[in-house]
Amino acid sequence: MSWNLNSDRPIFQQIIEHLELEIVQGVYEPGQKLPSVRELAAQATVNPNTMQRALSEMERMGLMHSERTSGRYITEDESMIKTLKKELAGGEISRFLEQMRRLGYSGEELLDILKEEMCKGEEK
């Protein structure tokens, strides 16, 4: 997945969001070792200090841990990863619902549209 970082929000926060998404998608599996700070910084084209800040915050959150001489690893706590996935989904749903309210859709209309779109997806 490409690193689409922009200047509208703090870069380290965008790095965290990117890595969270990769964790819930299974790009990084529970217990898997992460590339080094320098490697990740090169992939994201950011300063290693910025990457270090993001990774330290993710450690504080419990999504990864360091082993003194061997690097950083994704948490093995699969329930934490499931909770993160649910939180990310909830945020996306909230943004979607807010946008639909701005467009003037009622709850009932929105359900009808969702059902219709889901049926289209099943036909493919």
PDB file of N, CA and C in Angstrom:
ATOM      1  N   MET A   1       0.853  -1.170   0.000  1.00  0.00           N
ATOM      2  CA  MET A   1       0.000   0.000   0.000  1.00  0.00           C
ATOM      3  C   MET A   1       0.900   1.234   0.000  1.00  0.00           C
ATOM      4  N   SER A   2       0.572   2.208  -0.822  1.00  0.00           N
ATOM      5  CA  SER A   2       1.410   3.398  -0.911  1.00  0.00           C
ATOM      6  C   SER A   2       1.151   4.335   0.268  1.00  0.00           C
ATOM      7  N   TRP A   3       2.147   5.097   0.589  1.00  0.00           N
ATOM      8  CA  TRP A   3       2.077   6.045   1.695  1.00  0.00           C
ATOM      9  C   TRP A   3       1.624   7.387   1.135  1.00  0.00           C
ATOM     10  N   ASN A   4       0.360   7.697   1.231  1.00  0.00           N
ATOM     11  CA  ASN A   4      -0.163   8.969   0.739  1.00  0.00           C
ATOM     12  C   ASN A   4      -0.227   9.972   1.878  1.00  0.00           C
ATOM     13  N   LEU A   5       0.923  10.527   2.220  1.00  0.00           N
ATOM     14  CA  LEU A   5       1.012  11.482   3.310  1.00  0.00           C
ATOM     15  C   LEU A   5       0.902  12.879   2.738  1.00  0.00           C
ATOM     16  N   ASN A   6       0.198  13.738   3.471  1.00  0.00           N
ATOM     17  CA  ASN A   6       0.077  15.130   3.020  1.00  0.00           C
ATOM     18  C   ASN A   6       0.243  16.070   4.206  1.00  0.00           C
ATOM     19  N   SER A   7       0.257  17.335   3.939  1.00  0.00           N
ATOM     20  CA  SER A   7       0.584  18.312   4.980  1.00  0.00           C
ATOM     21  C   SER A   7      -0.631  18.849   5.739  1.00  0.00           C
ATOM     22  N   ASP A   8      -1.807  18.268   5.532  1.00  0.00           N
ATOM     23  CA  ASP A   8      -2.988  18.809   6.210  1.00  0.00           C
ATOM     24  C   ASP A   8      -3.089  18.396   7.680  1.00  0.00           C
ATOM     25  N   ARG A   9      -2.368  17.332   8.062  1.00  0.00           N
ATOM     26  CA  ARG A   9      -2.371  16.846   9.443  1.00  0.00           C
ATOM     27  C   ARG A   9      -0.960  16.394   9.806  1.00  0.00           C
ATOM     28  N   PRO A  10      -0.679  16.228  11.094  1.00  0.00           N
ATOM     29  CA  PRO A  10       0.673  15.793  11.475  1.00  0.00           C
ATOM     30  C   PRO A  10       1.060  14.480  10.784  1.00  0.00           C
ATOM     31  N   ILE A  11       2.265  14.439  10.241  1.00  0.00           N
ATOM     32  CA  ILE A  11       2.748  13.279   9.493  1.00  0.00           C
ATOM     33  C   ILE A  11       2.787  12.039  10.383  1.00  0.00           C
ATOM     34  N   PHE A  12       3.251  12.188  11.631  1.00  0.00           N
ATOM     35  CA  PHE A  12       3.356  11.009  12.481  1.00  0.00           C
ATOM     36  C   PHE A  12       1.989  10.374  12.716  1.00  0.00           C
ATOM     37  N   GLN A  13       0.941  11.201  12.792  1.00  0.00           N
ATOM     38  CA  GLN A  13      -0.417  10.675  12.967  1.00  0.00           C
ATOM     39  C   GLN A  13      -0.858   9.912  11.713  1.00  0.00           C
ATOM     40  N   GLN A  14      -0.515  10.417  10.544  1.00  0.00           N
ATOM     41  CA  GLN A  14      -0.846   9.731   9.301  1.00  0.00           C
ATOM     42  C   GLN A  14      -0.090   8.408   9.183  1.00  0.00           C
ATOM     43  N   ILE A  15       1.136   8.371   9.681  1.00  0.00           N
ATOM     44  CA  ILE A  15       1.912   7.126   9.680  1.00  0.00           C
ATOM     45  C   ILE A  15       1.221   6.094  10.568  1.00  0.00           C
ATOM     46  N   ILE A  16       0.782   6.522  11.747  1.00  0.00           N
ATOM     47  CA  ILE A  16       0.068   5.619  12.655  1.00  0.00           C
ATOM     48  C   ILE A  16      -1.171   5.065  11.964  1.00  0.00           C
ATOM     49  N   GLU A  17      -1.955   5.930  11.335  1.00  0.00           N
ATOM     50  CA  GLU A  17      -3.167   5.493  10.646  1.00  0.00           C
ATOM     51  C   GLU A  17      -2.849   4.495   9.537  1.00  0.00           C
ATOM     52  N   HIS A  18      -1.794   4.763   8.803  1.00  0.00           N
ATOM     53  CA  HIS A  18      -1.378   3.875   7.716  1.00  0.00           C
ATOM     54  C   HIS A  18      -1.005   2.489   8.265  1.00  0.00           C
ATOM     55  N   LEU A  19      -0.194   2.473   9.314  1.00  0.00           N
ATOM     56  CA  LEU A  19       0.236   1.199   9.887  1.00  0.00           C
ATOM     57  C   LEU A  19      -0.922   0.467  10.559  1.00  0.00           C
ATOM     58  N   GLU A  20      -1.829   1.198  11.202  1.00  0.00           N
ATOM     59  CA  GLU A  20      -3.018   0.561  11.782  1.00  0.00           C
ATOM     60  C   GLU A  20      -3.807  -0.161  10.700  1.00  0.00           C
ATOM     61  N   LEU A  21      -3.987   0.507   9.583  1.00  0.00           N
ATOM     62  CA  LEU A  21      -4.718  -0.091   8.476  1.00  0.00           C
ATOM     63  C   LEU A  21      -4.004  -1.341   7.964  1.00  0.00           C
ATOM     64  N   GLU A  22      -2.699  -1.277   7.836  1.00  0.00           N
ATOM     65  CA  GLU A  22      -1.946  -2.449   7.384  1.00  0.00           C
ATOM     66  C   GLU A  22      -2.050  -3.596   8.377  1.00  0.00           C
ATOM     67  N   ILE A  23      -2.107  -3.287   9.663  1.00  0.00           N
ATOM     68  CA  ILE A  23      -2.238  -4.333  10.679  1.00  0.00           C
ATOM     69  C   ILE A  23      -3.601  -5.008  10.568  1.00  0.00           C
ATOM     70  N   VAL A  24      -4.677  -4.216  10.470  1.00  0.00           N
ATOM     71  CA  VAL A  24      -6.012  -4.838  10.416  1.00  0.00           C
ATOM     72  C   VAL A  24      -6.254  -5.544   9.082  1.00  0.00           C
ATOM     73  N   GLN A  25      -5.563  -5.130   8.032  1.00  0.00           N
ATOM     74  CA  GLN A  25      -5.689  -5.800   6.735  1.00  0.00           C
ATOM     75  C   GLN A  25      -4.856  -7.072   6.666  1.00  0.00           C
ATOM     76  N   GLY A  26      -3.981  -7.270   7.636  1.00  0.00           N
ATOM     77  CA  GLY A  26      -3.151  -8.465   7.638  1.00  0.00           C
ATOM     78  C   GLY A  26      -1.844  -8.322   6.890  1.00  0.00           C
ATOM     79  N   VAL A  27      -1.516  -7.119   6.440  1.00  0.00           N
ATOM     80  CA  VAL A  27      -0.208  -6.905   5.810  1.00  0.00           C
ATOM     81  C   VAL A  27       0.881  -7.264   6.821  1.00  0.00           C
ATOM     82  N   TYR A  28       0.672  -6.812   8.066  1.00  0.00           N
ATOM     83  CA  TYR A  28       1.513  -7.214   9.189  1.00  0.00           C
ATOM     84  C   TYR A  28       0.659  -8.076  10.096  1.00  0.00           C
ATOM     85  N   GLU A  29       1.076  -9.307  10.295  1.00  0.00           N
ATOM     86  CA  GLU A  29       0.311 -10.258  11.090  1.00  0.00           C
ATOM     87  C   GLU A  29       0.726 -10.186  12.551  1.00  0.00           C
ATOM     88  N   PRO A  30      -0.145 -10.670  13.449  1.00  0.00           N
ATOM     89  CA  PRO A  30       0.201 -10.680  14.877  1.00  0.00           C
ATOM     90  C   PRO A  30       1.542 -11.380  15.114  1.00  0.00           C
ATOM     91  N   GLY A  31       2.401 -10.711  15.873  1.00  0.00           N
ATOM     92  CA  GLY A  31       3.712 -11.276  16.198  1.00  0.00           C
ATOM     93  C   GLY A  31       4.782 -11.050  15.155  1.00  0.00           C
ATOM     94  N   GLN A  32       4.411 -10.497  13.998  1.00  0.00           N
ATOM     95  CA  GLN A  32       5.381 -10.309  12.916  1.00  0.00           C
ATOM     96  C   GLN A  32       6.340  -9.171  13.236  1.00  0.00           C
ATOM     97  N   LYS A  33       7.583  -9.361  12.848  1.00  0.00           N
ATOM     98  CA  LYS A  33       8.591  -8.320  13.015  1.00  0.00           C
ATOM     99  C   LYS A  33       8.388  -7.246  11.952  1.00  0.00           C
ATOM    100  N   LEU A  34       8.505  -5.995  12.379  1.00  0.00           N
ATOM    101  CA  LEU A  34       8.423  -4.861  11.449  1.00  0.00           C
ATOM    102  C   LEU A  34       9.787  -4.579  10.840  1.00  0.00           C
ATOM    103  N   PRO A  35       9.804  -3.980   9.656  1.00  0.00           N
ATOM    104  CA  PRO A  35      11.084  -3.488   9.128  1.00  0.00           C
ATOM    105  C   PRO A  35      11.668  -2.453  10.098  1.00  0.00           C
ATOM    106  N   SER A  36      12.929  -2.153   9.942  1.00  0.00           N
ATOM    107  CA  SER A  36      13.578  -1.174  10.827  1.00  0.00           C
ATOM    108  C   SER A  36      12.975   0.216  10.625  1.00  0.00           C
ATOM    109  N   VAL A  37      13.238   1.075  11.590  1.00  0.00           N
ATOM    110  CA  VAL A  37      12.771   2.465  11.512  1.00  0.00           C
ATOM    111  C   VAL A  37      13.270   3.105  10.214  1.00  0.00           C
ATOM    112  N   ARG A  38      14.525   2.894   9.905  1.00  0.00           N
ATOM    113  CA  ARG A  38      15.100   3.497   8.688  1.00  0.00           C
ATOM    114  C   ARG A  38      14.435   2.958   7.427  1.00  0.00           C
ATOM    115  N   GLU A  39      14.173   1.657   7.397  1.00  0.00           N
ATOM    116  CA  GLU A  39      13.506   1.070   6.229  1.00  0.00           C
ATOM    117  C   GLU A  39      12.099   1.642   6.061  1.00  0.00           C
ATOM    118  N   LEU A  40      11.345   1.683   7.159  1.00  0.00           N
ATOM    119  CA  LEU A  40       9.983   2.239   7.088  1.00  0.00           C
ATOM    120  C   LEU A  40      10.007   3.711   6.700  1.00  0.00           C
ATOM    121  N   ALA A  41      10.964   4.460   7.264  1.00  0.00           N
ATOM    122  CA  ALA A  41      11.079   5.881   6.936  1.00  0.00           C
ATOM    123  C   ALA A  41      11.390   6.069   5.451  1.00  0.00           C
ATOM    124  N   ALA A  42      12.248   5.206   4.905  1.00  0.00           N
ATOM    125  CA  ALA A  42      12.577   5.292   3.479  1.00  0.00           C
ATOM    126  C   ALA A  42      11.348   4.969   2.629  1.00  0.00           C
ATOM    127  N   GLN A  43      10.573   3.942   3.030  1.00  0.00           N
ATOM    128  CA  GLN A  43       9.356   3.591   2.286  1.00  0.00           C
ATOM    129  C   GLN A  43       8.365   4.754   2.276  1.00  0.00           C
ATOM    130  N   ALA A  44       8.244   5.414   3.429  1.00  0.00           N
ATOM    131  CA  ALA A  44       7.259   6.499   3.561  1.00  0.00           C
ATOM    132  C   ALA A  44       7.822   7.840   3.110  1.00  0.00           C
ATOM    133  N   THR A  45       9.098   7.881   2.808  1.00  0.00           N
ATOM    134  CA  THR A  45       9.836   9.110   2.483  1.00  0.00           C
ATOM    135  C   THR A  45       9.631  10.181   3.550  1.00  0.00           C
ATOM    136  N   VAL A  46       9.923   9.773   4.796  1.00  0.00           N
ATOM    137  CA  VAL A  46       9.870  10.703   5.928  1.00  0.00           C
ATOM    138  C   VAL A  46      11.168  10.595   6.709  1.00  0.00           C
ATOM    139  N   ASN A  47      11.391  11.546   7.567  1.00  0.00           N
ATOM    140  CA  ASN A  47      12.549  11.555   8.436  1.00  0.00           C
ATOM    141  C   ASN A  47      12.443  10.384   9.423  1.00  0.00           C
ATOM    142  N   PRO A  48      13.534   9.670   9.663  1.00  0.00           N
ATOM    143  CA  PRO A  48      13.492   8.567  10.631  1.00  0.00           C
ATOM    144  C   PRO A  48      12.976   8.985  12.012  1.00  0.00           C
ATOM    145  N   ASN A  49      13.244  10.223  12.420  1.00  0.00           N
ATOM    146  CA  ASN A  49      12.743  10.700  13.721  1.00  0.00           C
ATOM    147  C   ASN A  49      11.211  10.735  13.741  1.00  0.00           C
ATOM    148  N   THR A  50      10.614  11.097  12.620  1.00  0.00           N
ATOM    149  CA  THR A  50       9.149  11.128  12.519  1.00  0.00           C
ATOM    150  C   THR A  50       8.593   9.717  12.610  1.00  0.00           C
ATOM    151  N   MET A  51       9.244   8.779  11.914  1.00  0.00           N
ATOM    152  CA  MET A  51       8.816   7.380  11.973  1.00  0.00           C
ATOM    153  C   MET A  51       8.980   6.842  13.389  1.00  0.00           C
ATOM    154  N   GLN A  52      10.101   7.166  14.022  1.00  0.00           N
ATOM    155  CA  GLN A  52      10.346   6.721  15.397  1.00  0.00           C
ATOM    156  C   GLN A  52       9.248   7.227  16.332  1.00  0.00           C
ATOM    157  N   ARG A  53       8.834   8.458  16.158  1.00  0.00           N
ATOM    158  CA  ARG A  53       7.779   9.031  16.993  1.00  0.00           C
ATOM    159  C   ARG A  53       6.468   8.254  16.817  1.00  0.00           C
ATOM    160  N   ALA A  54       6.127   7.935  15.574  1.00  0.00           N
ATOM    161  CA  ALA A  54       4.897   7.187  15.291  1.00  0.00           C
ATOM    162  C   ALA A  54       4.963   5.788  15.894  1.00  0.00           C
ATOM    163  N   LEU A  55       6.088   5.109  15.723  1.00  0.00           N
ATOM    164  CA  LEU A  55       6.226   3.760  16.245  1.00  0.00           C
ATOM    165  C   LEU A  55       6.209   3.748  17.773  1.00  0.00           C
ATOM    166  N   SER A  56       6.822   4.740  18.381  1.00  0.00           N
ATOM    167  CA  SER A  56       6.800   4.843  19.849  1.00  0.00           C
ATOM    168  C   SER A  56       5.380   5.033  20.351  1.00  0.00           C
ATOM    169  N   GLU A  57       4.610   5.827  19.654  1.00  0.00           N
ATOM    170  CA  GLU A  57       3.206   6.035  20.036  1.00  0.00           C
ATOM    171  C   GLU A  57       2.415   4.741  19.880  1.00  0.00           C
ATOM    172  N   MET A  58       2.688   3.993  18.832  1.00  0.00           N
ATOM    173  CA  MET A  58       1.996   2.719  18.632  1.00  0.00           C
ATOM    174  C   MET A  58       2.389   1.706  19.707  1.00  0.00           C
ATOM    175  N   GLU A  59       3.612   1.782  20.179  1.00  0.00           N
ATOM    176  CA  GLU A  59       4.020   0.937  21.305  1.00  0.00           C
ATOM    177  C   GLU A  59       3.245   1.341  22.551  1.00  0.00           C
ATOM    178  N   ARG A  60       3.138   2.632  22.777  1.00  0.00           N
ATOM    179  CA  ARG A  60       2.390   3.129  23.928  1.00  0.00           C
ATOM    180  C   ARG A  60       0.935   2.661  23.877  1.00  0.00           C
ATOM    181  N   MET A  61       0.380   2.595  22.661  1.00  0.00           N
ATOM    182  CA  MET A  61      -0.994   2.145  22.455  1.00  0.00           C
ATOM    183  C   MET A  61      -1.135   0.630  22.643  1.00  0.00           C
ATOM    184  N   GLY A  62      -0.009  -0.082  22.616  1.00  0.00           N
ATOM    185  CA  GLY A  62      -0.032  -1.523  22.780  1.00  0.00           C
ATOM    186  C   GLY A  62      -0.130  -2.306  21.483  1.00  0.00           C
ATOM    187  N   LEU A  63      -0.053  -1.625  20.333  1.00  0.00           N
ATOM    188  CA  LEU A  63      -0.177  -2.301  19.049  1.00  0.00           C
ATOM    189  C   LEU A  63       1.113  -2.992  18.610  1.00  0.00           C
ATOM    190  N   MET A  64       2.213  -2.633  19.244  1.00  0.00           N
ATOM    191  CA  MET A  64       3.490  -3.272  18.952  1.00  0.00           C
ATOM    192  C   MET A  64       4.365  -3.190  20.185  1.00  0.00           C
ATOM    193  N   HIS A  65       5.424  -3.956  20.181  1.00  0.00           N
ATOM    194  CA  HIS A  65       6.378  -3.924  21.279  1.00  0.00           C
ATOM    195  C   HIS A  65       7.794  -4.082  20.729  1.00  0.00           C
ATOM    196  N   SER A  66       8.743  -3.596  21.509  1.00  0.00           N
ATOM    197  CA  SER A  66      10.157  -3.702  21.128  1.00  0.00           C
ATOM    198  C   SER A  66      10.809  -4.826  21.902  1.00  0.00           C
ATOM    199  N   GLU A  67      11.700  -5.508  21.219  1.00  0.00           N
ATOM    200  CA  GLU A  67      12.585  -6.445  21.890  1.00  0.00           C
ATOM    201  C   GLU A  67      13.972  -5.858  21.728  1.00  0.00           C
ATOM    202  N   ARG A  68      14.554  -5.570  22.810  1.00  0.00           N
ATOM    203  CA  ARG A  68      15.768  -4.778  22.940  1.00  0.00           C
ATOM    204  C   ARG A  68      16.726  -4.828  21.745  1.00  0.00           C
ATOM    205  N   THR A  69      17.145  -5.980  21.339  1.00  0.00           N
ATOM    206  CA  THR A  69      18.151  -6.047  20.272  1.00  0.00           C
ATOM    207  C   THR A  69      17.611  -6.562  18.946  1.00  0.00           C
ATOM    208  N   SER A  70      16.341  -7.001  18.933  1.00  0.00           N
ATOM    209  CA  SER A  70      15.880  -7.611  17.683  1.00  0.00           C
ATOM    210  C   SER A  70      14.798  -6.826  16.952  1.00  0.00           C
ATOM    211  N   GLY A  71      14.389  -5.686  17.465  1.00  0.00           N
ATOM    212  CA  GLY A  71      13.462  -4.837  16.730  1.00  0.00           C
ATOM    213  C   GLY A  71      12.057  -4.777  17.312  1.00  0.00           C
ATOM    214  N   ARG A  72      11.130  -4.328  16.474  1.00  0.00           N
ATOM    215  CA  ARG A  72       9.732  -4.154  16.878  1.00  0.00           C
ATOM    216  C   ARG A  72       8.866  -5.243  16.264  1.00  0.00           C
ATOM    217  N   TYR A  73       7.855  -5.626  17.036  1.00  0.00           N
ATOM    218  CA  TYR A  73       6.931  -6.682  16.619  1.00  0.00           C
ATOM    219  C   TYR A  73       5.496  -6.226  16.823  1.00  0.00           C
ATOM    220  N   ILE A  74       4.621  -6.659  15.933  1.00  0.00           N
ATOM    221  CA  ILE A  74       3.189  -6.397  16.063  1.00  0.00           C
ATOM    222  C   ILE A  74       2.677  -7.190  17.265  1.00  0.00           C
ATOM    223  N   THR A  75       1.712  -6.624  17.971  1.00  0.00           N
ATOM    224  CA  THR A  75       1.132  -7.327  19.109  1.00  0.00           C
ATOM    225  C   THR A  75       0.576  -8.687  18.681  1.00  0.00           C
ATOM    226  N   GLU A  76       0.624  -9.625  19.592  1.00  0.00           N
ATOM    227  CA  GLU A  76       0.032 -10.936  19.334  1.00  0.00           C
ATOM    228  C   GLU A  76      -1.396 -10.997  19.857  1.00  0.00           C
ATOM    229  N   ASP A  77      -1.856  -9.901  20.455  1.00  0.00           N
ATOM    230  CA  ASP A  77      -3.205  -9.819  21.024  1.00  0.00           C
ATOM    231  C   ASP A  77      -4.221  -9.602  19.898  1.00  0.00           C
ATOM    232  N   GLU A  78      -4.776 -10.703  19.396  1.00  0.00           N
ATOM    233  CA  GLU A  78      -5.706 -10.617  18.264  1.00  0.00           C
ATOM    234  C   GLU A  78      -6.995  -9.894  18.627  1.00  0.00           C
ATOM    235  N   SER A  79      -7.392  -9.940  19.901  1.00  0.00           N
ATOM    236  CA  SER A  79      -8.599  -9.208  20.300  1.00  0.00           C
ATOM    237  C   SER A  79      -8.364  -7.698  20.210  1.00  0.00           C
ATOM    238  N   MET A  80      -7.142  -7.261  20.488  1.00  0.00           N
ATOM    239  CA  MET A  80      -6.813  -5.841  20.357  1.00  0.00           C
ATOM    240  C   MET A  80      -6.890  -5.426  18.885  1.00  0.00           C
ATOM    241  N   ILE A  81      -6.423  -6.293  18.001  1.00  0.00           N
ATOM    242  CA  ILE A  81      -6.469  -5.998  16.568  1.00  0.00           C
ATOM    243  C   ILE A  81      -7.915  -5.967  16.083  1.00  0.00           C
ATOM    244  N   LYS A  82      -8.747  -6.899  16.556  1.00  0.00           N
ATOM    245  CA  LYS A  82     -10.168  -6.892  16.198  1.00  0.00           C
ATOM    246  C   LYS A  82     -10.854  -5.623  16.689  1.00  0.00           C
ATOM    247  N   THR A  83     -10.506  -5.205  17.914  1.00  0.00           N
ATOM    248  CA  THR A  83     -11.076  -3.971  18.469  1.00  0.00           C
ATOM    249  C   THR A  83     -10.667  -2.772  17.628  1.00  0.00           C
ATOM    250  N   LEU A  84      -9.393  -2.729  17.231  1.00  0.00           N
ATOM    251  CA  LEU A  84      -8.908  -1.643  16.374  1.00  0.00           C
ATOM    252  C   LEU A  84      -9.668  -1.627  15.059  1.00  0.00           C
ATOM    253  N   LYS A  85      -9.863  -2.805  14.467  1.00  0.00           N
ATOM    254  CA  LYS A  85     -10.587  -2.902  13.195  1.00  0.00           C
ATOM    255  C   LYS A  85     -12.004  -2.352  13.344  1.00  0.00           C
ATOM    256  N   LYS A  86     -12.654  -2.710  14.441  1.00  0.00           N
ATOM    257  CA  LYS A  86     -14.011  -2.243  14.697  1.00  0.00           C
ATOM    258  C   LYS A  86     -14.039  -0.725  14.898  1.00  0.00           C
ATOM    259  N   GLU A  87     -13.053  -0.196  15.606  1.00  0.00           N
ATOM    260  CA  GLU A  87     -12.960   1.258  15.813  1.00  0.00           C
ATOM    261  C   GLU A  87     -12.748   1.985  14.491  1.00  0.00           C
ATOM    262  N   LEU A  88     -11.870   1.458  13.654  1.00  0.00           N
ATOM    263  CA  LEU A  88     -11.624   2.077  12.344  1.00  0.00           C
ATOM    264  C   LEU A  88     -12.887   2.055  11.492  1.00  0.00           C
ATOM    265  N   ALA A  89     -13.594   0.924  11.521  1.00  0.00           N
ATOM    266  CA  ALA A  89     -14.852   0.816  10.771  1.00  0.00           C
ATOM    267  C   ALA A  89     -15.875   1.817  11.307  1.00  0.00           C
ATOM    268  N   GLY A  90     -15.960   1.934  12.622  1.00  0.00           N
ATOM    269  CA  GLY A  90     -16.901   2.877  13.220  1.00  0.00           C
ATOM    270  C   GLY A  90     -16.635   4.317  12.796  1.00  0.00           C
ATOM    271  N   GLY A  91     -15.359   4.670  12.725  1.00  0.00           N
ATOM    272  CA  GLY A  91     -14.994   6.016  12.278  1.00  0.00           C
ATOM    273  C   GLY A  91     -15.410   6.262  10.837  1.00  0.00           C
ATOM    274  N   GLU A  92     -15.170   5.268   9.986  1.00  0.00           N
ATOM    275  CA  GLU A  92     -15.552   5.392   8.572  1.00  0.00           C
ATOM    276  C   GLU A  92     -17.074   5.498   8.433  1.00  0.00           C
ATOM    277  N   ILE A  93     -17.785   4.684   9.192  1.00  0.00           N
ATOM    278  CA  ILE A  93     -19.251   4.719   9.137  1.00  0.00           C
ATOM    279  C   ILE A  93     -19.773   6.064   9.619  1.00  0.00           C
ATOM    280  N   SER A  94     -19.193   6.597  10.680  1.00  0.00           N
ATOM    281  CA  SER A  94     -19.618   7.915  11.181  1.00  0.00           C
ATOM    282  C   SER A  94     -19.421   9.007  10.145  1.00  0.00           C
ATOM    283  N   ARG A  95     -18.250   8.981   9.471  1.00  0.00           N
ATOM    284  CA  ARG A  95     -17.988   9.986   8.429  1.00  0.00           C
ATOM    285  C   ARG A  95     -18.981   9.833   7.272  1.00  0.00           C
ATOM    286  N   PHE A  96     -19.245   8.592   6.891  1.00  0.00           N
ATOM    287  CA  PHE A  96     -20.193   8.320   5.817  1.00  0.00           C
ATOM    288  C   PHE A  96     -21.591   8.826   6.188  1.00  0.00           C
ATOM    289  N   LEU A  97     -22.045   8.492   7.390  1.00  0.00           N
ATOM    290  CA  LEU A  97     -23.385   8.922   7.820  1.00  0.00           C
ATOM    291  C   LEU A  97     -23.503  10.437   7.889  1.00  0.00           C
ATOM    292  N   GLU A  98     -22.464  11.090   8.358  1.00  0.00           N
ATOM    293  CA  GLU A  98     -22.478  12.552   8.415  1.00  0.00           C
ATOM    294  C   GLU A  98     -22.606  13.141   7.012  1.00  0.00           C
ATOM    295  N   GLN A  99     -21.867  12.595   6.068  1.00  0.00           N
ATOM    296  CA  GLN A  99     -21.944  13.075   4.682  1.00  0.00           C
ATOM    297  C   GLN A  99     -23.337  12.832   4.098  1.00  0.00           C
ATOM    298  N   MET A 100     -23.924  11.695   4.373  1.00  0.00           N
ATOM    299  CA  MET A 100     -25.271  11.380   3.862  1.00  0.00           C
ATOM    300  C   MET A 100     -26.319  12.312   4.480  1.00  0.00           C
ATOM    301  N   ARG A 101     -26.136  12.661   5.757  1.00  0.00           N
ATOM    302  CA  ARG A 101     -27.049  13.630   6.390  1.00  0.00           C
ATOM    303  C   ARG A 101     -26.937  14.988   5.704  1.00  0.00           C
ATOM    304  N   ARG A 102     -25.693  15.367   5.371  1.00  0.00           N
ATOM    305  CA  ARG A 102     -25.492  16.652   4.674  1.00  0.00           C
ATOM    306  C   ARG A 102     -26.161  16.640   3.308  1.00  0.00           C
ATOM    307  N   LEU A 103     -26.208  15.473   2.689  1.00  0.00           N
ATOM    308  CA  LEU A 103     -26.872  15.353   1.387  1.00  0.00           C
ATOM    309  C   LEU A 103     -28.395  15.296   1.534  1.00  0.00           C
ATOM    310  N   GLY A 104     -28.859  15.201   2.764  1.00  0.00           N
ATOM    311  CA  GLY A 104     -30.294  15.256   3.004  1.00  0.00           C
ATOM    312  C   GLY A 104     -30.997  13.912   3.073  1.00  0.00           C
ATOM    313  N   TYR A 105     -30.260  12.834   3.194  1.00  0.00           N
ATOM    314  CA  TYR A 105     -30.885  11.512   3.265  1.00  0.00           C
ATOM    315  C   TYR A 105     -31.396  11.224   4.666  1.00  0.00           C
ATOM    316  N   SER A 106     -32.587  10.640   4.733  1.00  0.00           N
ATOM    317  CA  SER A 106     -33.113  10.151   6.003  1.00  0.00           C
ATOM    318  C   SER A 106     -32.523   8.764   6.242  1.00  0.00           C
ATOM    319  N   GLY A 107     -32.709   8.268   7.441  1.00  0.00           N
ATOM    320  CA  GLY A 107     -32.217   6.936   7.761  1.00  0.00           C
ATOM    321  C   GLY A 107     -32.835   5.874   6.871  1.00  0.00           C
ATOM    322  N   GLU A 108     -34.131   5.989   6.645  1.00  0.00           N
ATOM    323  CA  GLU A 108     -34.849   5.015   5.820  1.00  0.00           C
ATOM    324  C   GLU A 108     -34.347   5.053   4.370  1.00  0.00           C
ATOM    325  N   GLU A 109     -34.180   6.263   3.826  1.00  0.00           N
ATOM    326  CA  GLU A 109     -33.679   6.396   2.452  1.00  0.00           C
ATOM    327  C   GLU A 109     -32.277   5.806   2.330  1.00  0.00           C
ATOM    328  N   LEU A 110     -31.482   6.064   3.327  1.00  0.00           N
ATOM    329  CA  LEU A 110     -30.114   5.573   3.324  1.00  0.00           C
ATOM    330  C   LEU A 110     -30.081   4.043   3.353  1.00  0.00           C
ATOM    331  N   LEU A 111     -30.916   3.443   4.169  1.00  0.00           N
ATOM    332  CA  LEU A 111     -30.988   1.978   4.205  1.00  0.00           C
ATOM    333  C   LEU A 111     -31.387   1.402   2.851  1.00  0.00           C
ATOM    334  N   ASP A 112     -32.338   2.060   2.192  1.00  0.00           N
ATOM    335  CA  ASP A 112     -32.763   1.607   0.863  1.00  0.00           C
ATOM    336  C   ASP A 112     -31.605   1.656  -0.132  1.00  0.00           C
ATOM    337  N   ILE A 113     -30.859   2.750  -0.110  1.00  0.00           N
ATOM    338  CA  ILE A 113     -29.724   2.906  -1.024  1.00  0.00           C
ATOM    339  C   ILE A 113     -28.654   1.858  -0.718  1.00  0.00           C
ATOM    340  N   LEU A 114     -28.377   1.647   0.553  1.00  0.00           N
ATOM    341  CA  LEU A 114     -27.364   0.652   0.934  1.00  0.00           C
ATOM    342  C   LEU A 114     -27.763  -0.745   0.477  1.00  0.00           C
ATOM    343  N   LYS A 115     -29.014  -1.101   0.681  1.00  0.00           N
ATOM    344  CA  LYS A 115     -29.494  -2.417   0.244  1.00  0.00           C
ATOM    345  C   LYS A 115     -29.342  -2.570  -1.262  1.00  0.00           C
ATOM    346  N   GLU A 116     -29.713  -1.519  -1.983  1.00  0.00           N
ATOM    347  CA  GLU A 116     -29.606  -1.544  -3.443  1.00  0.00           C
ATOM    348  C   GLU A 116     -28.156  -1.725  -3.878  1.00  0.00           C
ATOM    349  N   GLU A 117     -27.241  -0.978  -3.273  1.00  0.00           N
ATOM    350  CA  GLU A 117     -25.828  -1.059  -3.642  1.00  0.00           C
ATOM    351  C   GLU A 117     -25.233  -2.411  -3.256  1.00  0.00           C
ATOM    352  N   MET A 118     -25.655  -2.952  -2.125  1.00  0.00           N
ATOM    353  CA  MET A 118     -25.136  -4.253  -1.713  1.00  0.00           C
ATOM    354  C   MET A 118     -25.609  -5.347  -2.672  1.00  0.00           C
ATOM    355  N   CYS A 119     -26.835  -5.230  -3.164  1.00  0.00           N
ATOM    356  CA  CYS A 119     -27.337  -6.205  -4.132  1.00  0.00           C
ATOM    357  C   CYS A 119     -26.550  -6.119  -5.431  1.00  0.00           C
ATOM    358  N   LYS A 120     -26.203  -4.908  -5.855  1.00  0.00           N
ATOM    359  CA  LYS A 120     -25.394  -4.747  -7.062  1.00  0.00           C
ATOM    360  C   LYS A 120     -24.067  -5.465  -6.899  1.00  0.00           C
ATOM    361  N   GLY A 121     -23.465  -5.317  -5.730  1.00  0.00           N
ATOM    362  CA  GLY A 121     -22.164  -5.944  -5.467  1.00  0.00           C
ATOM    363  C   GLY A 121     -22.246  -7.459  -5.502  1.00  0.00           C
ATOM    364  N   GLU A 122     -23.382  -8.018  -5.078  1.00  0.00           N
ATOM    365  CA  GLU A 122     -23.546  -9.457  -5.066  1.00  0.00           C
ATOM    366  C   GLU A 122     -23.757 -10.016  -6.464  1.00  0.00           C
ATOM    367  N   GLU A 123     -24.267  -9.191  -7.373  1.00  0.00           N
ATOM    368  CA  GLU A 123     -24.524  -9.624  -8.759  1.00  0.00           C
ATOM    369  C   GLU A 123     -23.222  -9.790  -9.535  1.00  0.00           C
ATOM    370  N   LYS A 124     -22.189  -9.088  -9.132  1.00  0.00           N
ATOM    371  CA  LYS A 124     -20.912  -9.098  -9.878  1.00  0.00           C
ATOM    372  C   LYS A 124     -20.183 -10.382  -9.719  1.00  0.00           C
TER     373      LYS A 124
END
